[in-house]
Amino acid sequence: MSEQTTKPTTDAPAKARRKKAKRSVPYAQLHVLATFNNTIVTFTDQSGGALVSSSAGACGFRGSKKSTAYAAQVAADKAAESLKQLHGTSKVDAYIRGVGLGREAVVRAMQNHDIVVESIIDVTGVAHGGCRPRKARRV
């Protein structure tokens, strides 16, 4: 006694998706996270909303090659190229976090795409002794 339900077929075409309008962002922020294992490059607008992002791992680098300066440069090139095409950005403020090899390489890569780096701000966290250690083990 199982009833089969059939969905009514509609011959109407699917709703056409509208192409996302190009948003012009002439002045953006460049956030770089340069760790010992990877480099992540993110371009945001002035309020912090992400526009374009890329990383060394997303560009096809694996293992110890992800942490090189060249991998960071390739990731920055990829992100900067799509930023110029999609948003027409010409000036950025750079916020750099971390101690990896990609710190300088990303900023240098911006010159290849005619993006002017107005300021470079280091926002790397400072170690402060960490949190309270757990209680001593009883023997």
C-alpha atoms as a PDB file:
ATOM      1  CA  MET A   1       0.000   0.000   0.000  1.00  0.00           C
ATOM      2  CA  SER A   2       2.844   2.365  -0.659  1.00  0.00           C
ATOM      3  CA  GLU A   3       1.794   5.413  -2.543  1.00  0.00           C
ATOM      4  CA  GLN A   4       4.157   6.887  -5.038  1.00  0.00           C
ATOM      5  CA  THR A   5       4.168  10.614  -5.253  1.00  0.00           C
ATOM      6  CA  THR A   6       5.177  12.184  -8.483  1.00  0.00           C
ATOM      7  CA  LYS A   7       6.463  15.677  -8.717  1.00  0.00           C
ATOM      8  CA  PRO A   8       4.673  17.829 -11.243  1.00  0.00           C
ATOM      9  CA  THR A   9       6.882  18.559 -14.181  1.00  0.00           C
ATOM     10  CA  THR A  10       7.244  22.159 -15.158  1.00  0.00           C
ATOM     11  CA  ASP A  11       8.338  23.228 -18.585  1.00  0.00           C
ATOM     12  CA  ALA A  12       9.321  26.689 -17.338  1.00  0.00           C
ATOM     13  CA  PRO A  13      13.039  27.376 -17.647  1.00  0.00           C
ATOM     14  CA  ALA A  14      15.102  27.686 -14.499  1.00  0.00           C
ATOM     15  CA  LYS A  15      15.569  31.201 -13.197  1.00  0.00           C
ATOM     16  CA  ALA A  16      18.464  32.847 -14.928  1.00  0.00           C
ATOM     17  CA  ARG A  17      21.192  33.818 -12.497  1.00  0.00           C
ATOM     18  CA  ARG A  18      22.225  37.402 -12.725  1.00  0.00           C
ATOM     19  CA  LYS A  19      25.913  38.102 -13.085  1.00  0.00           C
ATOM     20  CA  LYS A  20      27.362  39.676  -9.976  1.00  0.00           C
ATOM     21  CA  ALA A  21      27.957  43.371 -10.561  1.00  0.00           C
ATOM     22  CA  LYS A  22      31.561  44.545 -10.511  1.00  0.00           C
ATOM     23  CA  ARG A  23      32.164  46.476  -7.323  1.00  0.00           C
ATOM     24  CA  SER A  24      34.793  49.148  -7.695  1.00  0.00           C
ATOM     25  CA  VAL A  25      37.129  49.257  -4.701  1.00  0.00           C
ATOM     26  CA  PRO A  26      39.983  51.678  -5.445  1.00  0.00           C
ATOM     27  CA  TYR A  27      41.550  51.419  -1.974  1.00  0.00           C
ATOM     28  CA  ALA A  28      41.786  48.070  -0.159  1.00  0.00           C
ATOM     29  CA  GLN A  29      43.601  46.280   2.638  1.00  0.00           C
ATOM     30  CA  LEU A  30      46.113  43.466   2.112  1.00  0.00           C
ATOM     31  CA  HIS A  31      46.228  40.920   4.936  1.00  0.00           C
ATOM     32  CA  VAL A  32      49.139  38.467   4.896  1.00  0.00           C
ATOM     33  CA  LEU A  33      49.398  35.504   7.267  1.00  0.00           C
ATOM     34  CA  ALA A  34      52.937  34.143   6.891  1.00  0.00           C
ATOM     35  CA  THR A  35      53.467  31.041   9.022  1.00  0.00           C
ATOM     36  CA  PHE A  36      56.218  28.437   8.916  1.00  0.00           C
ATOM     37  CA  ASN A  37      53.913  26.098   6.980  1.00  0.00           C
ATOM     38  CA  ASN A  38      51.905  28.297   4.607  1.00  0.00           C
ATOM     39  CA  THR A  39      51.233  31.856   3.441  1.00  0.00           C
ATOM     40  CA  ILE A  40      47.674  33.163   3.116  1.00  0.00           C
ATOM     41  CA  VAL A  41      46.985  36.385   1.197  1.00  0.00           C
ATOM     42  CA  THR A  42      43.607  38.129   1.576  1.00  0.00           C
ATOM     43  CA  PHE A  43      42.421  41.414   0.111  1.00  0.00           C
ATOM     44  CA  THR A  44      39.596  43.134   1.971  1.00  0.00           C
ATOM     45  CA  ASP A  45      37.683  46.386   1.622  1.00  0.00           C
ATOM     46  CA  GLN A  46      38.041  49.154   4.202  1.00  0.00           C
ATOM     47  CA  SER A  47      35.434  47.605   6.513  1.00  0.00           C
ATOM     48  CA  GLY A  48      37.171  44.201   6.500  1.00  0.00           C
ATOM     49  CA  GLY A  49      34.925  42.304   4.071  1.00  0.00           C
ATOM     50  CA  ALA A  50      36.969  39.812   2.055  1.00  0.00           C
ATOM     51  CA  LEU A  51      37.237  40.518  -1.661  1.00  0.00           C
ATOM     52  CA  VAL A  52      39.839  38.013  -2.904  1.00  0.00           C
ATOM     53  CA  SER A  53      41.876  35.346  -1.133  1.00  0.00           C
ATOM     54  CA  SER A  54      44.613  32.912  -2.064  1.00  0.00           C
ATOM     55  CA  SER A  55      47.231  30.762  -0.384  1.00  0.00           C
ATOM     56  CA  ALA A  56      50.362  28.865  -1.285  1.00  0.00           C
ATOM     57  CA  GLY A  57      48.514  25.584  -0.767  1.00  0.00           C
ATOM     58  CA  ALA A  58      45.677  26.674  -3.069  1.00  0.00           C
ATOM     59  CA  CYS A  59      48.229  27.439  -5.795  1.00  0.00           C
ATOM     60  CA  GLY A  60      49.363  23.824  -5.897  1.00  0.00           C
ATOM     61  CA  PHE A  61      52.326  23.865  -3.543  1.00  0.00           C
ATOM     62  CA  ARG A  62      52.501  20.953  -1.125  1.00  0.00           C
ATOM     63  CA  GLY A  63      54.617  20.033   1.871  1.00  0.00           C
ATOM     64  CA  SER A  64      57.712  22.049   2.623  1.00  0.00           C
ATOM     65  CA  LYS A  65      57.383  23.978  -0.672  1.00  0.00           C
ATOM     66  CA  LYS A  66      54.332  25.808   0.723  1.00  0.00           C
ATOM     67  CA  SER A  67      56.471  27.711   3.201  1.00  0.00           C
ATOM     68  CA  THR A  68      58.868  29.206   0.631  1.00  0.00           C
ATOM     69  CA  ALA A  69      59.026  32.833  -0.464  1.00  0.00           C
ATOM     70  CA  TYR A  70      58.372  31.804  -4.075  1.00  0.00           C
ATOM     71  CA  ALA A  71      55.118  30.074  -3.120  1.00  0.00           C
ATOM     72  CA  ALA A  72      54.028  33.231  -1.286  1.00  0.00           C
ATOM     73  CA  GLN A  73      54.838  35.306  -4.365  1.00  0.00           C
ATOM     74  CA  VAL A  74      52.762  33.027  -6.608  1.00  0.00           C
ATOM     75  CA  ALA A  75      49.827  33.213  -4.188  1.00  0.00           C
ATOM     76  CA  ALA A  76      50.094  37.017  -4.078  1.00  0.00           C
ATOM     77  CA  ASP A  77      50.257  37.203  -7.881  1.00  0.00           C
ATOM     78  CA  LYS A  78      47.127  35.097  -8.231  1.00  0.00           C
ATOM     79  CA  ALA A  79      45.183  37.159  -5.694  1.00  0.00           C
ATOM     80  CA  ALA A  80      46.394  40.515  -7.046  1.00  0.00           C
ATOM     81  CA  GLU A  81      45.531  39.585 -10.619  1.00  0.00           C
ATOM     82  CA  SER A  82      41.947  38.700  -9.782  1.00  0.00           C
ATOM     83  CA  LEU A  83      41.660  41.778  -7.539  1.00  0.00           C
ATOM     84  CA  LYS A  84      42.666  44.082 -10.402  1.00  0.00           C
ATOM     85  CA  GLN A  85      40.222  42.379 -12.792  1.00  0.00           C
ATOM     86  CA  LEU A  86      37.236  42.195 -10.456  1.00  0.00           C
ATOM     87  CA  HIS A  87      37.572  45.380  -8.409  1.00  0.00           C
ATOM     88  CA  GLY A  88      40.115  47.674 -10.083  1.00  0.00           C
ATOM     89  CA  THR A  89      42.101  48.294  -6.924  1.00  0.00           C
ATOM     90  CA  SER A  90      45.231  50.422  -7.224  1.00  0.00           C
ATOM     91  CA  LYS A  91      46.270  51.160  -3.612  1.00  0.00           C
ATOM     92  CA  VAL A  92      46.468  48.963  -0.517  1.00  0.00           C
ATOM     93  CA  ASP A  93      47.482  49.071   3.127  1.00  0.00           C
ATOM     94  CA  ALA A  94      49.444  45.926   4.051  1.00  0.00           C
ATOM     95  CA  TYR A  95      48.814  44.175   7.381  1.00  0.00           C
ATOM     96  CA  ILE A  96      51.400  41.437   7.908  1.00  0.00           C
ATOM     97  CA  ARG A  97      51.081  38.756  10.576  1.00  0.00           C
ATOM     98  CA  GLY A  98      53.527  35.967  11.298  1.00  0.00           C
ATOM     99  CA  VAL A  99      57.184  35.145  10.906  1.00  0.00           C
ATOM    100  CA  GLY A 100      57.292  33.068   7.717  1.00  0.00           C
ATOM    101  CA  LEU A 101      59.410  33.556   4.607  1.00  0.00           C
ATOM    102  CA  GLY A 102      56.549  35.077   2.603  1.00  0.00           C
ATOM    103  CA  ARG A 103      56.410  38.400   4.450  1.00  0.00           C
ATOM    104  CA  GLU A 104      58.540  40.470   2.061  1.00  0.00           C
ATOM    105  CA  ALA A 105      57.787  38.414  -1.043  1.00  0.00           C
ATOM    106  CA  VAL A 106      54.090  39.314  -0.973  1.00  0.00           C
ATOM    107  CA  VAL A 107      54.748  43.043  -0.683  1.00  0.00           C
ATOM    108  CA  ARG A 108      57.298  42.881  -3.518  1.00  0.00           C
ATOM    109  CA  ALA A 109      54.814  40.992  -5.690  1.00  0.00           C
ATOM    110  CA  MET A 110      52.377  43.913  -5.513  1.00  0.00           C
ATOM    111  CA  GLN A 111      54.763  46.009  -7.621  1.00  0.00           C
ATOM    112  CA  ASN A 112      54.419  43.528 -10.502  1.00  0.00           C
ATOM    113  CA  HIS A 113      50.691  44.326 -10.689  1.00  0.00           C
ATOM    114  CA  ASP A 114      50.976  48.119 -10.304  1.00  0.00           C
ATOM    115  CA  ILE A 115      49.387  48.083  -6.863  1.00  0.00           C
ATOM    116  CA  VAL A 116      50.838  50.791  -4.633  1.00  0.00           C
ATOM    117  CA  VAL A 117      51.474  49.729  -1.029  1.00  0.00           C
ATOM    118  CA  GLU A 118      50.700  52.863   1.002  1.00  0.00           C
ATOM    119  CA  SER A 119      51.718  51.489   4.413  1.00  0.00           C
ATOM    120  CA  ILE A 120      53.043  48.276   5.932  1.00  0.00           C
ATOM    121  CA  ILE A 121      51.813  47.421   9.414  1.00  0.00           C
ATOM    122  CA  ASP A 122      53.130  44.446  11.389  1.00  0.00           C
ATOM    123  CA  VAL A 123      50.311  42.905  13.441  1.00  0.00           C
ATOM    124  CA  THR A 124      52.206  39.817  14.612  1.00  0.00           C
ATOM    125  CA  GLY A 125      51.126  38.702  18.070  1.00  0.00           C
ATOM    126  CA  VAL A 126      53.601  39.093  20.906  1.00  0.00           C
ATOM    127  CA  ALA A 127      54.193  36.144  23.239  1.00  0.00           C
ATOM    128  CA  HIS A 128      53.370  37.014  26.846  1.00  0.00           C
ATOM    129  CA  GLY A 129      54.150  33.847  28.793  1.00  0.00           C
ATOM    130  CA  GLY A 130      51.064  31.936  27.734  1.00  0.00           C
ATOM    131  CA  CYS A 131      48.232  30.656  29.880  1.00  0.00           C
ATOM    132  CA  ARG A 132      48.543  29.145  33.348  1.00  0.00           C
ATOM    133  CA  PRO A 133      50.189  25.702  33.335  1.00  0.00           C
ATOM    134  CA  ARG A 134      48.238  22.685  34.564  1.00  0.00           C
ATOM    135  CA  LYS A 135      48.782  21.343  38.044  1.00  0.00           C
ATOM    136  CA  ALA A 136      51.913  19.318  38.786  1.00  0.00           C
ATOM    137  CA  ARG A 137      51.661  15.572  38.266  1.00  0.00           C
ATOM    138  CA  ARG A 138      51.665  13.446  41.423  1.00  0.00           C
ATOM    139  CA  VAL A 139      54.132  10.615  41.592  1.00  0.00           C
END
